[in-house]
Amino acid sequence: MIGIVLQSGANDIKIIMAMLAVFVIGAGLTKIWLRRQLRNRGIKVQGTIIALEVSYSSENKRLWHPVFQYTTLDNEVVTHRSALGYSPCPYSEGDSIFILYDSTEKDNFIVDSFWGDFVGYAITLVGVILLIAFLQ
């Protein structure tokens, strides 16, 4: 039988923080993998930002949610409000963007952009740095 004995105090916190870092790494790698899946099998079409809707954070900060619209190859118009709010918003109403969507799930899409790809790598890198810091 293998048992793990944890010492109280600093070691407990290090272990918890290392586990958090592993979770962050997993989140980053998942984002990279999901984007890669759409890049490999998704369909690329032109889209438009048709509106910017406002919400407020718990600190009463104004957040802008872009509303994306694109037409599939089957001539189905898909409209989707981003759950992610921005402040400041990187988009303006009327902006033209490229969308990659899943042909089997037309609501499953990504905005085809460098920054969208970069986010997964940045999250993973932060997780690795945290893991290294907490394991020392």
N, C-alpha and C. Protein backbone atom coordinates (compact mmCIF):
# COMPACT_ATOMS: atom_id res chain seq x y z
N MET A 1 0.85 -1.18 0.00
CA MET A 1 0.00 0.00 0.00
C MET A 1 0.89 1.23 0.00
N ILE A 2 0.56 2.16 -0.87
CA ILE A 2 1.34 3.39 -0.97
C ILE A 2 0.57 4.47 -0.25
N GLY A 3 1.24 5.16 0.64
CA GLY A 3 0.59 6.25 1.37
C GLY A 3 1.35 7.53 1.14
N ILE A 4 0.63 8.62 1.15
CA ILE A 4 1.27 9.92 1.01
C ILE A 4 1.04 10.67 2.31
N VAL A 5 2.12 11.11 2.88
CA VAL A 5 2.04 11.88 4.11
C VAL A 5 2.33 13.32 3.77
N LEU A 6 1.39 14.20 4.07
CA LEU A 6 1.58 15.62 3.81
C LEU A 6 1.95 16.32 5.10
N GLN A 7 2.97 17.15 4.99
CA GLN A 7 3.33 17.96 6.14
C GLN A 7 2.47 19.20 6.11
N SER A 8 2.12 19.67 7.27
CA SER A 8 1.27 20.86 7.36
C SER A 8 2.05 22.08 6.91
N GLY A 9 1.31 23.09 6.52
CA GLY A 9 1.93 24.38 6.23
C GLY A 9 2.30 24.58 4.79
N ALA A 10 3.55 24.97 4.57
CA ALA A 10 4.01 25.40 3.25
C ALA A 10 3.91 24.29 2.20
N ASN A 11 4.20 23.05 2.59
CA ASN A 11 4.13 21.96 1.60
C ASN A 11 2.71 21.75 1.10
N ASP A 12 1.73 21.87 1.98
CA ASP A 12 0.33 21.73 1.55
C ASP A 12 -0.01 22.79 0.51
N ILE A 13 0.39 24.00 0.78
CA ILE A 13 0.10 25.10 -0.15
C ILE A 13 0.81 24.87 -1.48
N LYS A 14 2.06 24.41 -1.44
CA LYS A 14 2.81 24.13 -2.67
C LYS A 14 2.10 23.07 -3.51
N ILE A 15 1.62 22.04 -2.85
CA ILE A 15 0.95 20.95 -3.57
C ILE A 15 -0.34 21.46 -4.20
N ILE A 16 -1.10 22.22 -3.45
CA ILE A 16 -2.35 22.77 -3.98
C ILE A 16 -2.08 23.70 -5.16
N MET A 17 -1.07 24.55 -5.03
CA MET A 17 -0.74 25.48 -6.10
C MET A 17 -0.20 24.73 -7.33
N ALA A 18 0.57 23.67 -7.11
CA ALA A 18 1.06 22.87 -8.23
C ALA A 18 -0.10 22.20 -8.96
N MET A 19 -1.09 21.73 -8.19
CA MET A 19 -2.28 21.13 -8.81
C MET A 19 -3.04 22.17 -9.62
N LEU A 20 -3.12 23.37 -9.11
CA LEU A 20 -3.76 24.46 -9.85
C LEU A 20 -3.00 24.74 -11.15
N ALA A 21 -1.67 24.74 -11.07
CA ALA A 21 -0.85 24.97 -12.27
C ALA A 21 -1.10 23.88 -13.31
N VAL A 22 -1.21 22.63 -12.87
CA VAL A 22 -1.48 21.53 -13.80
C VAL A 22 -2.86 21.73 -14.45
N PHE A 23 -3.83 22.20 -13.68
CA PHE A 23 -5.15 22.50 -14.24
C PHE A 23 -5.05 23.59 -15.31
N VAL A 24 -4.27 24.64 -15.05
CA VAL A 24 -4.09 25.73 -16.01
C VAL A 24 -3.44 25.20 -17.29
N ILE A 25 -2.43 24.35 -17.14
CA ILE A 25 -1.78 23.74 -18.30
C ILE A 25 -2.80 22.94 -19.11
N GLY A 26 -3.62 22.16 -18.42
CA GLY A 26 -4.64 21.37 -19.09
C GLY A 26 -5.64 22.24 -19.84
N ALA A 27 -6.04 23.35 -19.23
CA ALA A 27 -6.97 24.28 -19.89
C ALA A 27 -6.35 24.86 -21.16
N GLY A 28 -5.08 25.25 -21.08
CA GLY A 28 -4.39 25.79 -22.25
C GLY A 28 -4.26 24.77 -23.36
N LEU A 29 -3.87 23.55 -23.00
CA LEU A 29 -3.72 22.50 -24.01
C LEU A 29 -5.06 22.12 -24.64
N THR A 30 -6.13 22.15 -23.84
CA THR A 30 -7.46 21.87 -24.37
C THR A 30 -7.86 22.93 -25.38
N LYS A 31 -7.60 24.19 -25.07
CA LYS A 31 -7.93 25.28 -25.99
C LYS A 31 -7.15 25.12 -27.30
N ILE A 32 -5.86 24.79 -27.19
CA ILE A 32 -5.03 24.57 -28.39
C ILE A 32 -5.61 23.42 -29.21
N TRP A 33 -5.95 22.32 -28.56
CA TRP A 33 -6.45 21.13 -29.26
C TRP A 33 -7.78 21.41 -29.96
N LEU A 34 -8.70 22.10 -29.26
CA LEU A 34 -10.01 22.40 -29.86
C LEU A 34 -9.87 23.32 -31.08
N ARG A 35 -9.00 24.32 -30.98
CA ARG A 35 -8.78 25.21 -32.13
C ARG A 35 -8.15 24.44 -33.28
N ARG A 36 -7.21 23.55 -32.96
CA ARG A 36 -6.56 22.76 -34.01
C ARG A 36 -7.57 21.85 -34.71
N GLN A 37 -8.52 21.29 -33.94
CA GLN A 37 -9.55 20.45 -34.54
C GLN A 37 -10.35 21.24 -35.58
N LEU A 38 -10.74 22.45 -35.23
CA LEU A 38 -11.51 23.26 -36.18
C LEU A 38 -10.64 23.70 -37.35
N ARG A 39 -9.37 23.95 -37.11
CA ARG A 39 -8.47 24.31 -38.22
C ARG A 39 -8.34 23.16 -39.20
N ASN A 40 -8.30 21.92 -38.68
CA ASN A 40 -8.11 20.75 -39.53
C ASN A 40 -9.37 20.36 -40.30
N ARG A 41 -10.54 20.50 -39.68
CA ARG A 41 -11.76 20.01 -40.33
C ARG A 41 -12.85 21.06 -40.46
N GLY A 42 -12.57 22.28 -40.00
CA GLY A 42 -13.58 23.33 -40.07
C GLY A 42 -13.70 23.94 -41.45
N ILE A 43 -14.77 24.67 -41.63
CA ILE A 43 -15.03 25.36 -42.90
C ILE A 43 -14.84 26.84 -42.66
N LYS A 44 -14.04 27.48 -43.52
CA LYS A 44 -13.72 28.90 -43.35
C LYS A 44 -14.66 29.75 -44.20
N VAL A 45 -15.32 30.70 -43.52
CA VAL A 45 -16.22 31.63 -44.21
C VAL A 45 -16.01 33.04 -43.67
N GLN A 46 -16.50 34.00 -44.43
CA GLN A 46 -16.47 35.40 -44.01
C GLN A 46 -17.60 35.64 -43.01
N GLY A 47 -17.31 36.39 -41.96
CA GLY A 47 -18.33 36.75 -40.98
C GLY A 47 -18.31 38.24 -40.73
N THR A 48 -19.28 38.70 -39.96
CA THR A 48 -19.40 40.13 -39.66
C THR A 48 -19.78 40.30 -38.20
N ILE A 49 -19.26 41.36 -37.59
CA ILE A 49 -19.71 41.76 -36.26
C ILE A 49 -20.94 42.63 -36.50
N ILE A 50 -22.12 42.12 -36.14
CA ILE A 50 -23.35 42.85 -36.45
C ILE A 50 -23.80 43.75 -35.30
N ALA A 51 -23.25 43.52 -34.11
CA ALA A 51 -23.63 44.35 -32.96
C ALA A 51 -22.61 44.16 -31.85
N LEU A 52 -22.61 45.09 -30.93
CA LEU A 52 -21.84 44.99 -29.70
C LEU A 52 -22.83 45.19 -28.55
N GLU A 53 -23.05 44.14 -27.76
CA GLU A 53 -23.98 44.22 -26.65
C GLU A 53 -23.23 44.47 -25.36
N VAL A 54 -23.82 45.22 -24.47
CA VAL A 54 -23.17 45.63 -23.23
C VAL A 54 -23.67 44.81 -22.05
N SER A 55 -22.74 44.46 -21.17
CA SER A 55 -23.08 43.90 -19.86
C SER A 55 -22.16 44.58 -18.86
N TYR A 56 -22.38 44.28 -17.59
CA TYR A 56 -21.56 44.89 -16.54
C TYR A 56 -20.99 43.81 -15.64
N SER A 57 -19.71 43.96 -15.30
CA SER A 57 -19.04 43.02 -14.42
C SER A 57 -19.50 43.25 -12.98
N SER A 58 -19.06 42.39 -12.08
CA SER A 58 -19.42 42.55 -10.67
C SER A 58 -18.85 43.84 -10.08
N GLU A 59 -17.81 44.39 -10.72
CA GLU A 59 -17.24 45.67 -10.29
C GLU A 59 -17.88 46.84 -11.04
N ASN A 60 -18.99 46.57 -11.73
CA ASN A 60 -19.73 47.57 -12.50
C ASN A 60 -18.92 48.13 -13.67
N LYS A 61 -18.02 47.31 -14.20
CA LYS A 61 -17.24 47.70 -15.38
C LYS A 61 -18.00 47.29 -16.63
N ARG A 62 -18.06 48.17 -17.61
CA ARG A 62 -18.77 47.91 -18.85
C ARG A 62 -17.98 46.90 -19.69
N LEU A 63 -18.67 45.86 -20.15
CA LEU A 63 -18.07 44.83 -21.00
C LEU A 63 -18.85 44.77 -22.31
N TRP A 64 -18.12 44.64 -23.41
CA TRP A 64 -18.72 44.58 -24.74
C TRP A 64 -18.68 43.14 -25.24
N HIS A 65 -19.83 42.64 -25.69
CA HIS A 65 -19.94 41.28 -26.23
C HIS A 65 -20.23 41.39 -27.73
N PRO A 66 -19.27 41.00 -28.58
CA PRO A 66 -19.55 41.05 -30.01
C PRO A 66 -20.60 40.01 -30.40
N VAL A 67 -21.42 40.38 -31.36
CA VAL A 67 -22.40 39.45 -31.93
C VAL A 67 -21.90 39.11 -33.33
N PHE A 68 -21.55 37.85 -33.52
CA PHE A 68 -21.01 37.36 -34.79
C PHE A 68 -22.14 36.85 -35.67
N GLN A 69 -22.00 37.08 -36.97
CA GLN A 69 -22.96 36.50 -37.91
C GLN A 69 -22.19 36.01 -39.13
N TYR A 70 -22.54 34.80 -39.57
CA TYR A 70 -21.94 34.24 -40.77
C TYR A 70 -22.94 33.33 -41.45
N THR A 71 -22.67 33.07 -42.72
CA THR A 71 -23.53 32.20 -43.51
C THR A 71 -22.75 30.94 -43.85
N THR A 72 -23.35 29.78 -43.54
CA THR A 72 -22.70 28.50 -43.81
C THR A 72 -22.74 28.21 -45.30
N LEU A 73 -22.03 27.18 -45.70
CA LEU A 73 -22.05 26.77 -47.11
C LEU A 73 -23.43 26.28 -47.54
N ASP A 74 -24.29 25.91 -46.53
CA ASP A 74 -25.66 25.49 -46.81
C ASP A 74 -26.62 26.69 -46.81
N ASN A 75 -26.06 27.91 -46.84
CA ASN A 75 -26.84 29.15 -46.82
C ASN A 75 -27.67 29.34 -45.55
N GLU A 76 -27.22 28.75 -44.45
CA GLU A 76 -27.87 28.97 -43.16
C GLU A 76 -27.16 30.13 -42.46
N VAL A 77 -27.92 31.12 -42.02
CA VAL A 77 -27.34 32.27 -41.32
C VAL A 77 -27.25 31.93 -39.83
N VAL A 78 -26.04 32.04 -39.29
CA VAL A 78 -25.80 31.75 -37.88
C VAL A 78 -25.43 33.06 -37.19
N THR A 79 -26.12 33.35 -36.10
CA THR A 79 -25.84 34.53 -35.29
C THR A 79 -25.53 34.06 -33.87
N HIS A 80 -24.44 34.58 -33.31
CA HIS A 80 -24.01 34.13 -31.99
C HIS A 80 -23.43 35.30 -31.20
N ARG A 81 -23.93 35.51 -29.99
CA ARG A 81 -23.39 36.52 -29.08
C ARG A 81 -22.28 35.88 -28.28
N SER A 82 -21.13 36.52 -28.25
CA SER A 82 -20.00 36.01 -27.50
C SER A 82 -20.29 36.04 -26.00
N ALA A 83 -20.02 34.93 -25.34
CA ALA A 83 -20.17 34.90 -23.88
C ALA A 83 -19.06 35.71 -23.22
N LEU A 84 -17.95 35.87 -23.93
CA LEU A 84 -16.81 36.61 -23.41
C LEU A 84 -17.01 38.09 -23.67
N GLY A 85 -16.92 38.88 -22.60
CA GLY A 85 -17.03 40.33 -22.72
C GLY A 85 -15.66 40.97 -22.71
N TYR A 86 -15.48 42.02 -23.48
CA TYR A 86 -14.20 42.69 -23.62
C TYR A 86 -14.30 44.13 -23.12
N SER A 87 -13.20 44.61 -22.57
CA SER A 87 -13.09 46.03 -22.22
C SER A 87 -11.62 46.42 -22.29
N PRO A 88 -11.19 47.12 -23.28
CA PRO A 88 -11.95 47.61 -24.43
C PRO A 88 -12.20 46.47 -25.42
N CYS A 89 -13.15 46.67 -26.29
CA CYS A 89 -13.52 45.64 -27.26
C CYS A 89 -12.59 45.71 -28.47
N PRO A 90 -12.04 44.57 -28.90
CA PRO A 90 -11.15 44.57 -30.07
C PRO A 90 -11.91 44.68 -31.40
N TYR A 91 -13.23 44.63 -31.33
CA TYR A 91 -14.05 44.67 -32.54
C TYR A 91 -14.89 45.93 -32.58
N SER A 92 -15.31 46.29 -33.78
CA SER A 92 -16.27 47.36 -33.98
C SER A 92 -17.43 46.80 -34.78
N GLU A 93 -18.60 47.37 -34.59
CA GLU A 93 -19.75 46.94 -35.37
C GLU A 93 -19.44 47.12 -36.86
N GLY A 94 -19.73 46.08 -37.63
CA GLY A 94 -19.47 46.11 -39.07
C GLY A 94 -18.13 45.49 -39.46
N ASP A 95 -17.28 45.17 -38.47
CA ASP A 95 -15.99 44.53 -38.79
C ASP A 95 -16.21 43.22 -39.52
N SER A 96 -15.35 42.99 -40.50
CA SER A 96 -15.35 41.73 -41.25
C SER A 96 -14.30 40.82 -40.63
N ILE A 97 -14.67 39.56 -40.38
CA ILE A 97 -13.77 38.59 -39.75
C ILE A 97 -13.89 37.27 -40.50
N PHE A 98 -12.92 36.40 -40.27
CA PHE A 98 -13.01 35.04 -40.80
C PHE A 98 -13.42 34.11 -39.67
N ILE A 99 -14.33 33.21 -39.99
CA ILE A 99 -14.87 32.23 -39.05
C ILE A 99 -14.50 30.84 -39.54
N LEU A 100 -14.14 29.97 -38.62
CA LEU A 100 -13.99 28.55 -38.91
C LEU A 100 -15.09 27.83 -38.12
N TYR A 101 -15.99 27.14 -38.81
CA TYR A 101 -17.07 26.46 -38.10
C TYR A 101 -17.06 24.97 -38.41
N ASP A 102 -17.65 24.23 -37.50
CA ASP A 102 -17.77 22.78 -37.62
C ASP A 102 -19.00 22.48 -38.47
N SER A 103 -18.83 21.72 -39.55
CA SER A 103 -19.95 21.44 -40.46
C SER A 103 -21.06 20.62 -39.80
N THR A 104 -20.72 19.88 -38.74
CA THR A 104 -21.74 19.07 -38.06
C THR A 104 -22.41 19.83 -36.92
N GLU A 105 -21.76 20.88 -36.42
CA GLU A 105 -22.31 21.73 -35.36
C GLU A 105 -22.06 23.18 -35.76
N LYS A 106 -22.97 23.75 -36.48
CA LYS A 106 -22.74 25.07 -37.06
C LYS A 106 -22.54 26.17 -36.02
N ASP A 107 -22.99 25.95 -34.77
CA ASP A 107 -22.76 26.92 -33.70
C ASP A 107 -21.39 26.76 -33.06
N ASN A 108 -20.67 25.72 -33.41
CA ASN A 108 -19.31 25.50 -32.90
C ASN A 108 -18.35 26.16 -33.88
N PHE A 109 -17.85 27.33 -33.48
CA PHE A 109 -16.99 28.08 -34.39
C PHE A 109 -15.93 28.84 -33.60
N ILE A 110 -14.91 29.28 -34.32
CA ILE A 110 -13.90 30.16 -33.76
C ILE A 110 -13.66 31.30 -34.74
N VAL A 111 -13.20 32.41 -34.19
CA VAL A 111 -12.75 33.50 -35.05
C VAL A 111 -11.32 33.15 -35.44
N ASP A 112 -11.06 33.14 -36.73
CA ASP A 112 -9.74 32.78 -37.23
C ASP A 112 -8.81 33.99 -37.10
N SER A 113 -7.99 33.97 -36.04
CA SER A 113 -7.09 35.10 -35.79
C SER A 113 -5.84 34.63 -35.07
N PHE A 114 -4.78 35.40 -35.21
CA PHE A 114 -3.53 35.11 -34.52
C PHE A 114 -3.75 35.11 -33.01
N TRP A 115 -4.43 36.14 -32.50
CA TRP A 115 -4.63 36.27 -31.05
C TRP A 115 -5.45 35.13 -30.49
N GLY A 116 -6.43 34.66 -31.25
CA GLY A 116 -7.21 33.51 -30.79
C GLY A 116 -6.34 32.27 -30.63
N ASP A 117 -5.41 32.08 -31.55
CA ASP A 117 -4.48 30.94 -31.45
C ASP A 117 -3.49 31.15 -30.31
N PHE A 118 -3.05 32.36 -30.13
CA PHE A 118 -2.03 32.70 -29.14
C PHE A 118 -2.49 32.43 -27.71
N VAL A 119 -3.78 32.63 -27.45
CA VAL A 119 -4.31 32.52 -26.08
C VAL A 119 -4.02 31.15 -25.47
N GLY A 120 -4.25 30.08 -26.21
CA GLY A 120 -4.02 28.74 -25.68
C GLY A 120 -2.56 28.52 -25.30
N TYR A 121 -1.66 29.00 -26.14
CA TYR A 121 -0.23 28.87 -25.85
C TYR A 121 0.16 29.72 -24.64
N ALA A 122 -0.43 30.91 -24.53
CA ALA A 122 -0.12 31.79 -23.40
C ALA A 122 -0.61 31.17 -22.09
N ILE A 123 -1.82 30.60 -22.09
CA ILE A 123 -2.34 29.95 -20.88
C ILE A 123 -1.45 28.79 -20.49
N THR A 124 -1.05 27.98 -21.46
CA THR A 124 -0.18 26.83 -21.18
C THR A 124 1.16 27.29 -20.61
N LEU A 125 1.74 28.32 -21.19
CA LEU A 125 3.01 28.84 -20.71
C LEU A 125 2.90 29.35 -19.27
N VAL A 126 1.83 30.07 -18.97
CA VAL A 126 1.63 30.55 -17.60
C VAL A 126 1.54 29.36 -16.64
N GLY A 127 0.82 28.32 -17.03
CA GLY A 127 0.72 27.13 -16.20
C GLY A 127 2.06 26.46 -15.95
N VAL A 128 2.88 26.37 -17.00
CA VAL A 128 4.22 25.77 -16.85
C VAL A 128 5.08 26.60 -15.91
N ILE A 129 5.04 27.92 -16.07
CA ILE A 129 5.83 28.79 -15.21
C ILE A 129 5.37 28.65 -13.76
N LEU A 130 4.06 28.62 -13.54
CA LEU A 130 3.55 28.44 -12.18
C LEU A 130 3.97 27.10 -11.60
N LEU A 131 3.89 26.05 -12.40
CA LEU A 131 4.28 24.72 -11.93
C LEU A 131 5.75 24.71 -11.52
N ILE A 132 6.60 25.26 -12.34
CA ILE A 132 8.04 25.30 -12.01
C ILE A 132 8.26 26.10 -10.72
N ALA A 133 7.57 27.22 -10.61
CA ALA A 133 7.73 28.07 -9.42
C ALA A 133 7.27 27.34 -8.16
N PHE A 134 6.17 26.61 -8.23
CA PHE A 134 5.63 25.95 -7.04
C PHE A 134 6.35 24.67 -6.69
N LEU A 135 7.08 24.09 -7.63
CA LEU A 135 7.79 22.85 -7.34
C LEU A 135 9.20 23.09 -6.80
N GLN A 136 9.61 24.33 -6.74
CA GLN A 136 10.96 24.62 -6.23
C GLN A 136 10.95 24.73 -4.73
